[in-house]
Amino acid sequence: MTPWRGLRWARFSPLLISTGHTSVLAGFFVGRYNAGMKWIALFLGLTLQLPAAEPLPPEKVNTLIEALGRLDPALVNGNPALKQRLNQVLDAVRGEPRLVGLVKKFKVNRREADLLAVATRHPNDPAGVEALGMVLGGDGLKAVNALLTGNDPQQAAAVARALGNSNNQKVLPLLTPLVTNPNVHANVRKEALKGLANFETGARQILAWAKEGKLPQNATFTASLALSTVRWPDIKAESAKVFPRPPGANAKPLPPVAELVKRKGNVANGAKVFLRETAACARCHKVGAIGQEVGPALTEIGDKLPKEELYEAIIDPSAGISFGYEAWLVTMKDGNAAFGIVQSETDSELEMKGPTGAVTRHAKAGIKSRQQQPLSLMPPGLHLTIKEGELVDLIEYLASLKKKP
């Protein structure tokens, strides 16, 4: 008697028979697996006709993930055909948050690179945090450290952010060296500081660096912001003594940023401050068609940065410099020099955009040296040129600049 005749999932048998792979189910026809036969049949029916070496069609991935969600991990891991199809599904969702649940459920090994891809692309997503925790709990520490100290600062900053969100003490030895390393990008250092402040040991280390004068200049304000919101009262109180509040107009200290972000500003007045000649915002930034594009466009900045980071960007521009807008000093063999942003580069030529927006081109053959500068091209002190209320209005305006629905 055919073993599947009369069972509720018999409607799948023609599909299985037609593939010539009915032997795959030979070990499944026992009572404890009958409840899952529908999903086994569906999973196999969708994949058996697909070459194992080719990627899965996107329209089938969701159905296959649903089927895998119903299957017993021991069943899948114990059958070569099912395990092969599982790996095909994992390849299809590489870098996506849903990969994490599959790797965890089926205890898949040697997927550290894929988990790190999720963590770097989605550092604030619970799946990204979990992915990093899984890497830290396995053999991925070397891979994490390689990303943190590699040549891609944007990826390094994303990894540092994910580490800080992980609530895992294992991240402390990874984040700590990034703060005082002079070769680390400002944004990587910024994420490392914010991450360390999530742990009592890390927060106390930041205080110690500050007292010993070991914090880099462009990390001081970020450190003060991070420690101003920690949950340990003694650290918060000590931080207020170690990090004096930055001055505002007329040398009066500004209120803490944690207090400023609670204030509701006037968007219309903030737009006027942005365009004001003394504030000079529009000299370097565009909002829509208004302004000049020396620094990053701010048309949708409200979707990218919270108010805390908008205050930080204005009060201490060097604390976090947008990727691609780092300042460089290029010295020529003839004694001349160029200072600004590297706008483009070829094998033979370097194109620089200066603080005024003027673009100059330089033959690489004539360049003696080029050095990335630790300070932002954006000058500090903007908040000193406007009143406290106008600063709140400016931040409210910037926070309102979001992508139109």
Protein backbone atom coordinates (compact mmCIF):
# COMPACT_ATOMS: atom_id res chain seq x y z
CA MET A 1 0.00 0.00 0.00
CA THR A 2 1.28 3.44 -0.84
CA PRO A 3 2.23 4.99 2.55
CA TRP A 4 0.67 8.42 1.90
CA ARG A 5 -2.68 7.21 0.55
CA GLY A 6 -5.61 8.50 2.57
CA LEU A 7 -3.61 11.03 4.61
CA ARG A 8 -4.79 14.67 4.82
CA TRP A 9 -1.74 15.90 2.91
CA ALA A 10 -2.18 13.43 0.06
CA ARG A 11 -2.91 16.29 -2.35
CA PHE A 12 0.83 17.00 -2.42
CA SER A 13 1.81 13.47 -3.51
CA PRO A 14 1.42 13.99 -7.28
CA LEU A 15 3.89 16.87 -7.12
CA LEU A 16 6.37 14.72 -5.23
CA ILE A 17 5.86 11.70 -7.48
CA SER A 18 6.33 13.78 -10.61
CA THR A 19 9.73 14.99 -9.42
CA GLY A 20 11.10 11.50 -9.09
CA HIS A 21 12.26 12.23 -5.53
CA THR A 22 9.73 10.29 -3.46
CA SER A 23 12.63 8.47 -1.79
CA VAL A 24 13.45 11.71 0.07
CA LEU A 25 10.43 11.04 2.25
CA ALA A 26 11.39 7.44 3.01
CA GLY A 27 12.37 8.18 6.59
CA PHE A 28 9.44 10.48 7.35
CA PHE A 29 6.47 8.13 7.33
CA VAL A 30 6.24 7.54 11.02
CA GLY A 31 3.50 8.74 13.32
CA ARG A 32 5.35 11.57 15.03
CA TYR A 33 6.04 13.31 11.70
CA ASN A 34 2.57 13.06 10.21
CA ALA A 35 1.50 16.47 11.53
CA GLY A 36 4.35 18.11 9.62
CA MET A 37 3.98 16.27 6.35
CA LYS A 38 2.08 19.12 4.74
CA TRP A 39 5.00 21.48 5.28
CA ILE A 40 7.63 18.92 4.30
CA ALA A 41 5.77 18.27 1.07
CA LEU A 42 5.32 21.97 0.41
CA PHE A 43 8.97 22.71 1.09
CA LEU A 44 10.22 19.90 -1.12
CA GLY A 45 7.66 20.51 -3.82
CA LEU A 46 8.78 24.12 -4.19
CA THR A 47 12.49 23.39 -4.23
CA LEU A 48 13.18 19.97 -5.71
CA GLN A 49 12.75 21.18 -9.26
CA LEU A 50 15.18 24.05 -8.66
CA PRO A 51 18.90 23.48 -9.32
CA ALA A 52 20.79 23.59 -6.04
CA ALA A 53 23.49 25.81 -7.51
CA GLU A 54 21.07 28.54 -8.60
CA PRO A 55 19.51 31.21 -6.35
CA LEU A 56 15.89 30.79 -5.33
CA PRO A 57 13.27 32.91 -7.12
CA PRO A 58 12.25 35.77 -4.77
CA GLU A 59 8.55 34.92 -5.08
CA LYS A 60 9.14 31.52 -3.47
CA VAL A 61 11.38 32.61 -0.59
CA ASN A 62 8.55 33.76 1.71
CA THR A 63 6.65 30.49 1.30
CA LEU A 64 9.78 28.46 1.95
CA ILE A 65 10.56 30.44 5.10
CA GLU A 66 7.02 29.81 6.35
CA ALA A 67 7.46 26.08 5.67
CA LEU A 68 10.80 26.04 7.48
CA GLY A 69 9.16 27.72 10.44
CA ARG A 70 6.88 24.67 10.81
CA LEU A 71 9.59 22.02 10.46
CA ASP A 72 11.49 20.34 13.28
CA PRO A 73 15.19 21.37 13.24
CA ALA A 74 16.25 17.76 13.90
CA LEU A 75 14.28 16.65 10.85
CA VAL A 76 15.90 19.24 8.57
CA ASN A 77 19.44 18.83 9.90
CA GLY A 78 19.16 15.07 9.66
CA ASN A 79 18.25 15.02 5.99
CA PRO A 80 20.81 16.14 3.36
CA ALA A 81 18.17 17.21 0.83
CA LEU A 82 16.29 19.40 3.31
CA LYS A 83 19.52 20.84 4.70
CA GLN A 84 20.69 21.74 1.22
CA ARG A 85 17.45 23.63 0.56
CA LEU A 86 17.77 25.40 3.93
CA ASN A 87 21.16 26.72 2.86
CA GLN A 88 19.64 27.91 -0.41
CA VAL A 89 17.05 29.88 1.55
CA LEU A 90 19.76 31.36 3.79
CA ASP A 91 21.71 32.47 0.72
CA ALA A 92 18.56 34.12 -0.64
CA VAL A 93 18.05 36.24 2.50
CA ARG A 94 21.71 37.06 3.19
CA GLY A 95 21.96 40.37 5.03
CA GLU A 96 18.23 40.45 5.89
CA PRO A 97 16.93 40.36 9.50
CA ARG A 98 14.94 37.18 8.84
CA LEU A 99 18.17 35.24 8.29
CA VAL A 100 18.87 35.49 12.03
CA GLY A 101 15.85 33.44 13.14
CA LEU A 102 16.64 30.68 10.66
CA VAL A 103 20.31 30.43 11.68
CA LYS A 104 19.28 30.36 15.34
CA LYS A 105 16.51 27.78 14.95
CA PHE A 106 18.50 25.34 12.86
CA LYS A 107 21.83 26.02 14.61
CA VAL A 108 23.60 26.66 11.32
CA ASN A 109 27.39 26.90 11.54
CA ARG A 110 29.81 29.04 9.54
CA ARG A 111 27.35 31.84 8.88
CA GLU A 112 29.27 34.49 10.87
CA ALA A 113 29.80 36.67 7.79
CA ASP A 114 26.07 36.65 7.02
CA LEU A 115 25.19 37.47 10.64
CA LEU A 116 27.67 40.36 10.61
CA ALA A 117 26.06 41.63 7.42
CA VAL A 118 22.71 41.80 9.24
CA ALA A 119 24.33 43.52 12.23
CA THR A 120 26.03 46.19 10.11
CA ARG A 121 23.01 46.90 7.91
CA HIS A 122 20.50 46.89 10.76
CA PRO A 123 22.46 47.94 13.89
CA ASN A 124 19.37 49.33 15.66
CA ASP A 125 17.06 46.45 14.74
CA PRO A 126 16.54 43.69 17.36
CA ALA A 127 17.60 41.17 14.71
CA GLY A 128 20.85 43.06 14.14
CA VAL A 129 21.59 43.11 17.87
CA GLU A 130 20.79 39.39 18.17
CA ALA A 131 22.93 38.59 15.12
CA LEU A 132 25.93 40.29 16.69
CA GLY A 133 25.32 38.47 19.97
CA MET A 134 25.36 35.17 18.10
CA VAL A 135 28.67 36.08 16.45
CA LEU A 136 30.21 37.11 19.78
CA GLY A 137 29.06 33.84 21.30
CA GLY A 138 30.76 31.82 18.57
CA ASP A 139 34.01 32.10 16.65
CA GLY A 140 33.37 35.50 15.12
CA LEU A 141 35.39 37.81 17.42
CA LYS A 142 38.28 38.02 14.96
CA ALA A 143 35.89 38.89 12.13
CA VAL A 144 34.26 41.65 14.22
CA ASN A 145 37.61 43.16 15.13
CA ALA A 146 38.72 43.06 11.50
CA LEU A 147 35.68 45.09 10.49
CA LEU A 148 36.22 47.62 13.29
CA THR A 149 39.81 48.27 12.24
CA GLY A 150 39.39 47.80 8.48
CA ASN A 151 39.45 50.33 5.66
CA ASP A 152 35.69 50.93 5.55
CA PRO A 153 34.84 53.48 8.30
CA GLN A 154 31.14 53.45 7.46
CA GLN A 155 30.96 49.70 8.03
CA ALA A 156 33.13 50.02 11.15
CA ALA A 157 30.77 52.63 12.60
CA ALA A 158 27.78 50.39 11.97
CA VAL A 159 29.51 47.46 13.70
CA ALA A 160 30.46 49.69 16.65
CA ARG A 161 26.85 50.86 16.92
CA ALA A 162 25.59 47.28 16.90
CA LEU A 163 28.16 46.32 19.56
CA GLY A 164 26.99 49.16 21.79
CA ASN A 165 23.37 48.04 21.44
CA SER A 166 24.15 44.41 22.25
CA ASN A 167 24.07 44.58 26.07
CA ASN A 168 26.93 42.07 26.02
CA GLN A 169 30.00 42.63 28.21
CA LYS A 170 32.15 40.93 25.59
CA VAL A 171 32.03 44.10 23.48
CA LEU A 172 34.03 46.20 25.97
CA PRO A 173 37.50 45.01 24.83
CA LEU A 174 36.43 45.63 21.24
CA LEU A 175 35.10 49.17 21.76
CA THR A 176 37.63 50.49 24.28
CA PRO A 177 40.69 50.75 21.95
CA LEU A 178 38.67 52.64 19.34
CA VAL A 179 38.27 55.73 21.54
CA THR A 180 41.94 56.63 21.96
CA ASN A 181 43.26 55.30 18.66
CA PRO A 182 44.26 58.41 16.65
CA ASN A 183 43.74 56.60 13.35
CA VAL A 184 40.07 55.81 13.97
CA HIS A 185 37.42 57.77 12.04
CA ALA A 186 35.52 60.28 14.17
CA ASN A 187 32.21 58.51 13.58
CA VAL A 188 33.63 55.15 14.66
CA ARG A 189 34.98 56.77 17.85
CA LYS A 190 31.61 58.42 18.42
CA GLU A 191 29.74 55.10 18.22
CA ALA A 192 32.34 53.45 20.46
CA LEU A 193 31.85 56.12 23.13
CA LYS A 194 28.07 55.85 22.98
CA GLY A 195 28.33 52.07 23.22
CA LEU A 196 30.74 52.12 26.18
CA ALA A 197 28.38 54.45 28.07
CA ASN A 198 25.76 51.67 28.06
CA PHE A 199 27.92 49.71 30.51
CA GLU A 200 28.96 50.88 33.97
CA THR A 201 32.55 49.75 33.41
CA GLY A 202 32.63 51.58 30.08
CA ALA A 203 31.11 54.76 31.51
CA ARG A 204 33.69 54.84 34.30
CA GLN A 205 36.46 54.34 31.75
CA ILE A 206 35.23 57.38 29.80
CA LEU A 207 35.35 59.45 33.00
CA ALA A 208 38.87 58.23 33.71
CA TRP A 209 40.04 59.20 30.22
CA ALA A 210 38.52 62.66 30.64
CA LYS A 211 40.21 63.23 34.01
CA GLU A 212 43.55 62.05 32.63
CA GLY A 213 43.24 64.24 29.55
CA LYS A 214 43.30 61.23 27.22
CA LEU A 215 40.06 61.90 25.33
CA PRO A 216 40.65 63.19 21.79
CA GLN A 217 39.45 66.74 21.25
CA ASN A 218 36.65 65.70 18.90
CA ALA A 219 35.33 63.17 21.42
CA THR A 220 34.76 65.42 24.42
CA PHE A 221 31.27 66.64 23.63
CA THR A 222 30.10 63.18 22.55
CA ALA A 223 31.40 61.78 25.84
CA SER A 224 29.60 64.45 27.86
CA LEU A 225 26.34 63.75 25.99
CA ALA A 226 26.65 60.01 26.48
CA LEU A 227 27.36 60.27 30.21
CA SER A 228 24.64 62.84 30.83
CA THR A 229 21.94 60.20 30.33
CA VAL A 230 23.50 57.14 32.05
CA ARG A 231 21.51 55.38 34.78
CA TRP A 232 24.22 55.53 37.44
CA PRO A 233 23.68 58.71 39.54
CA ASP A 234 27.29 59.01 40.77
CA ILE A 235 28.68 58.79 37.22
CA LYS A 236 26.16 61.33 35.95
CA ALA A 237 27.00 63.75 38.79
CA GLU A 238 30.75 63.35 38.31
CA SER A 239 30.36 63.84 34.56
CA ALA A 240 28.67 67.19 35.10
CA LYS A 241 31.78 68.34 36.99
CA VAL A 242 34.31 66.92 34.53
CA PHE A 243 32.55 68.15 31.39
CA PRO A 244 31.45 71.80 31.74
CA ARG A 245 28.46 72.81 29.65
CA PRO A 246 29.37 74.55 26.38
CA PRO A 247 28.85 78.32 26.34
CA GLY A 248 26.05 79.93 24.41
CA ALA A 249 25.58 83.52 23.28
CA ASN A 250 26.98 86.12 25.71
CA ALA A 251 29.14 83.39 27.33
CA LYS A 252 26.15 82.03 29.24
CA PRO A 253 26.35 78.22 29.48
CA LEU A 254 23.78 76.35 27.43
CA PRO A 255 21.32 74.11 29.26
CA PRO A 256 22.08 70.38 29.03
CA VAL A 257 21.17 68.91 25.66
CA ALA A 258 18.82 66.50 27.45
CA GLU A 259 16.82 69.57 28.49
CA LEU A 260 17.08 71.37 25.14
CA VAL A 261 15.60 68.44 23.20
CA LYS A 262 12.42 68.65 25.29
CA ARG A 263 11.73 72.21 24.18
CA LYS A 264 9.39 72.89 21.29
CA GLY A 265 10.81 75.38 18.84
CA ASN A 266 9.26 77.47 16.10
CA VAL A 267 9.82 75.88 12.67
CA ALA A 268 9.17 79.06 10.68
CA ASN A 269 11.60 81.09 12.75
CA GLY A 270 14.14 78.24 12.54
CA ALA A 271 13.98 78.45 8.74
CA LYS A 272 14.81 82.16 8.96
CA VAL A 273 17.78 81.43 11.24
CA PHE A 274 19.03 78.85 8.72
CA LEU A 275 19.06 81.48 5.97
CA ARG A 276 20.52 84.23 8.12
CA GLU A 277 23.91 85.44 6.86
CA THR A 278 25.50 85.42 10.33
CA ALA A 279 24.51 81.80 10.91
CA ALA A 280 25.93 80.87 7.49
CA CYS A 281 24.11 77.50 7.34
CA ALA A 282 23.00 77.99 3.74
CA ARG A 283 26.55 78.77 2.63
CA CYS A 284 27.46 75.11 2.93
CA HIS A 285 24.21 73.13 3.07
CA LYS A 286 21.26 72.78 0.73
CA VAL A 287 17.62 72.32 1.67
CA GLY A 288 15.84 71.50 -1.54
CA ALA A 289 17.05 74.02 -4.09
CA ILE A 290 18.14 76.57 -1.47
CA GLY A 291 21.75 76.94 -0.37
CA GLN A 292 25.12 75.63 -1.54
CA GLU A 293 26.26 72.01 -1.45
CA VAL A 294 29.65 72.09 0.27
CA GLY A 295 28.58 69.88 3.16
CA PRO A 296 25.82 67.24 3.17
CA ALA A 297 22.38 68.18 1.88
CA LEU A 298 19.88 68.60 4.74
CA THR A 299 16.65 68.13 2.78
CA GLU A 300 15.72 64.97 4.74
CA ILE A 301 17.97 65.35 7.78
CA GLY A 302 15.01 64.95 10.15
CA ASP A 303 14.72 61.32 9.02
CA LYS A 304 18.39 60.64 9.65
CA LEU A 305 19.31 62.27 12.95
CA PRO A 306 17.42 62.69 16.23
CA LYS A 307 17.43 66.08 17.92
CA GLU A 308 20.28 65.09 20.27
CA GLU A 309 22.60 64.49 17.33
CA LEU A 310 21.45 67.66 15.56
CA TYR A 311 22.49 69.67 18.63
CA GLU A 312 25.79 67.79 18.70
CA ALA A 313 26.43 68.49 15.00
CA ILE A 314 26.02 72.24 15.57
CA ILE A 315 27.77 72.60 18.93
CA ASP A 316 30.69 70.30 18.07
CA PRO A 317 30.81 69.61 14.30
CA SER A 318 33.97 67.50 14.56
CA ALA A 319 32.32 64.96 16.88
CA GLY A 320 30.71 63.25 13.90
CA ILE A 321 31.62 63.94 10.30
CA SER A 322 29.42 62.58 7.52
CA PHE A 323 31.13 59.89 5.47
CA GLY A 324 32.53 61.34 2.28
CA TYR A 325 32.78 64.84 3.80
CA GLU A 326 36.02 64.43 5.75
CA ALA A 327 38.50 67.31 5.40
CA TRP A 328 41.83 66.63 3.72
CA LEU A 329 45.04 68.62 3.46
CA VAL A 330 46.83 67.90 0.17
CA THR A 331 50.38 69.21 -0.15
CA MET A 332 51.89 69.64 -3.62
CA LYS A 333 55.49 69.11 -4.65
CA ASP A 334 55.68 72.76 -5.74
CA GLY A 335 54.85 73.97 -2.22
CA ASN A 336 51.18 74.78 -2.79
CA ALA A 337 48.41 73.09 -0.79
CA ALA A 338 44.72 72.32 -1.15
CA PHE A 339 42.28 71.97 1.74
CA GLY A 340 38.77 70.59 1.48
CA ILE A 341 36.69 67.54 0.60
CA VAL A 342 37.79 64.96 -1.95
CA GLN A 343 34.96 65.22 -4.44
CA SER A 344 36.25 62.63 -6.91
CA GLU A 345 39.39 60.71 -7.72
CA THR A 346 40.82 58.88 -10.71
CA ASP A 347 44.13 57.12 -11.25
CA SER A 348 45.70 60.37 -12.41
CA GLU A 349 43.70 63.22 -10.85
CA LEU A 350 42.24 64.40 -7.55
CA GLU A 351 39.28 66.78 -7.47
CA MET A 352 38.90 68.88 -4.30
CA LYS A 353 36.01 71.04 -3.12
CA GLY A 354 37.13 73.85 -0.80
CA PRO A 355 35.24 75.53 2.07
CA THR A 356 33.70 78.06 -0.34
CA GLY A 357 32.45 75.39 -2.73
CA ALA A 358 35.12 76.09 -5.34
CA VAL A 359 36.39 72.93 -7.07
CA THR A 360 40.04 72.50 -8.01
CA ARG A 361 41.76 69.64 -9.87
CA HIS A 362 45.24 68.36 -9.11
CA ALA A 363 47.42 65.89 -11.00
CA LYS A 364 48.40 63.05 -8.70
CA ALA A 365 51.90 63.13 -10.10
CA GLY A 366 52.32 66.55 -8.48
CA ILE A 367 51.06 65.57 -5.02
CA LYS A 368 53.60 65.18 -2.23
CA SER A 369 51.27 64.10 0.57
CA ARG A 370 47.63 63.95 1.63
CA GLN A 371 46.39 63.82 5.19
CA GLN A 372 42.89 63.44 6.57
CA GLN A 373 42.19 66.13 9.15
CA PRO A 374 40.65 65.38 12.56
CA LEU A 375 38.44 68.47 12.47
CA SER A 376 35.33 69.07 10.40
CA LEU A 377 35.26 71.49 7.51
CA MET A 378 32.25 73.03 9.27
CA PRO A 379 33.56 75.71 11.66
CA PRO A 380 32.64 75.42 15.35
CA GLY A 381 30.84 78.20 17.19
CA LEU A 382 27.62 78.54 15.18
CA HIS A 383 25.61 78.35 18.41
CA LEU A 384 27.57 81.37 19.70
CA THR A 385 26.17 83.59 16.94
CA ILE A 386 22.49 83.01 17.80
CA LYS A 387 20.36 83.23 20.91
CA GLU A 388 19.39 80.14 22.89
CA GLY A 389 15.78 80.30 21.71
CA GLU A 390 16.91 80.66 18.09
CA LEU A 391 19.08 77.57 18.48
CA VAL A 392 16.01 75.64 19.65
CA ASP A 393 14.05 77.00 16.68
CA LEU A 394 16.83 76.01 14.25
CA ILE A 395 16.88 72.44 15.59
CA GLU A 396 13.09 72.25 15.35
CA TYR A 397 13.31 73.32 11.72
CA LEU A 398 16.01 70.80 10.88
CA ALA A 399 14.09 68.02 12.65
CA SER A 400 11.07 68.87 10.48
CA LEU A 401 12.96 68.26 7.23
CA LYS A 402 11.75 64.79 6.30
CA LYS A 403 10.95 62.85 3.19
CA LYS A 404 7.59 63.84 1.79
CA PRO A 405 5.00 61.04 1.88
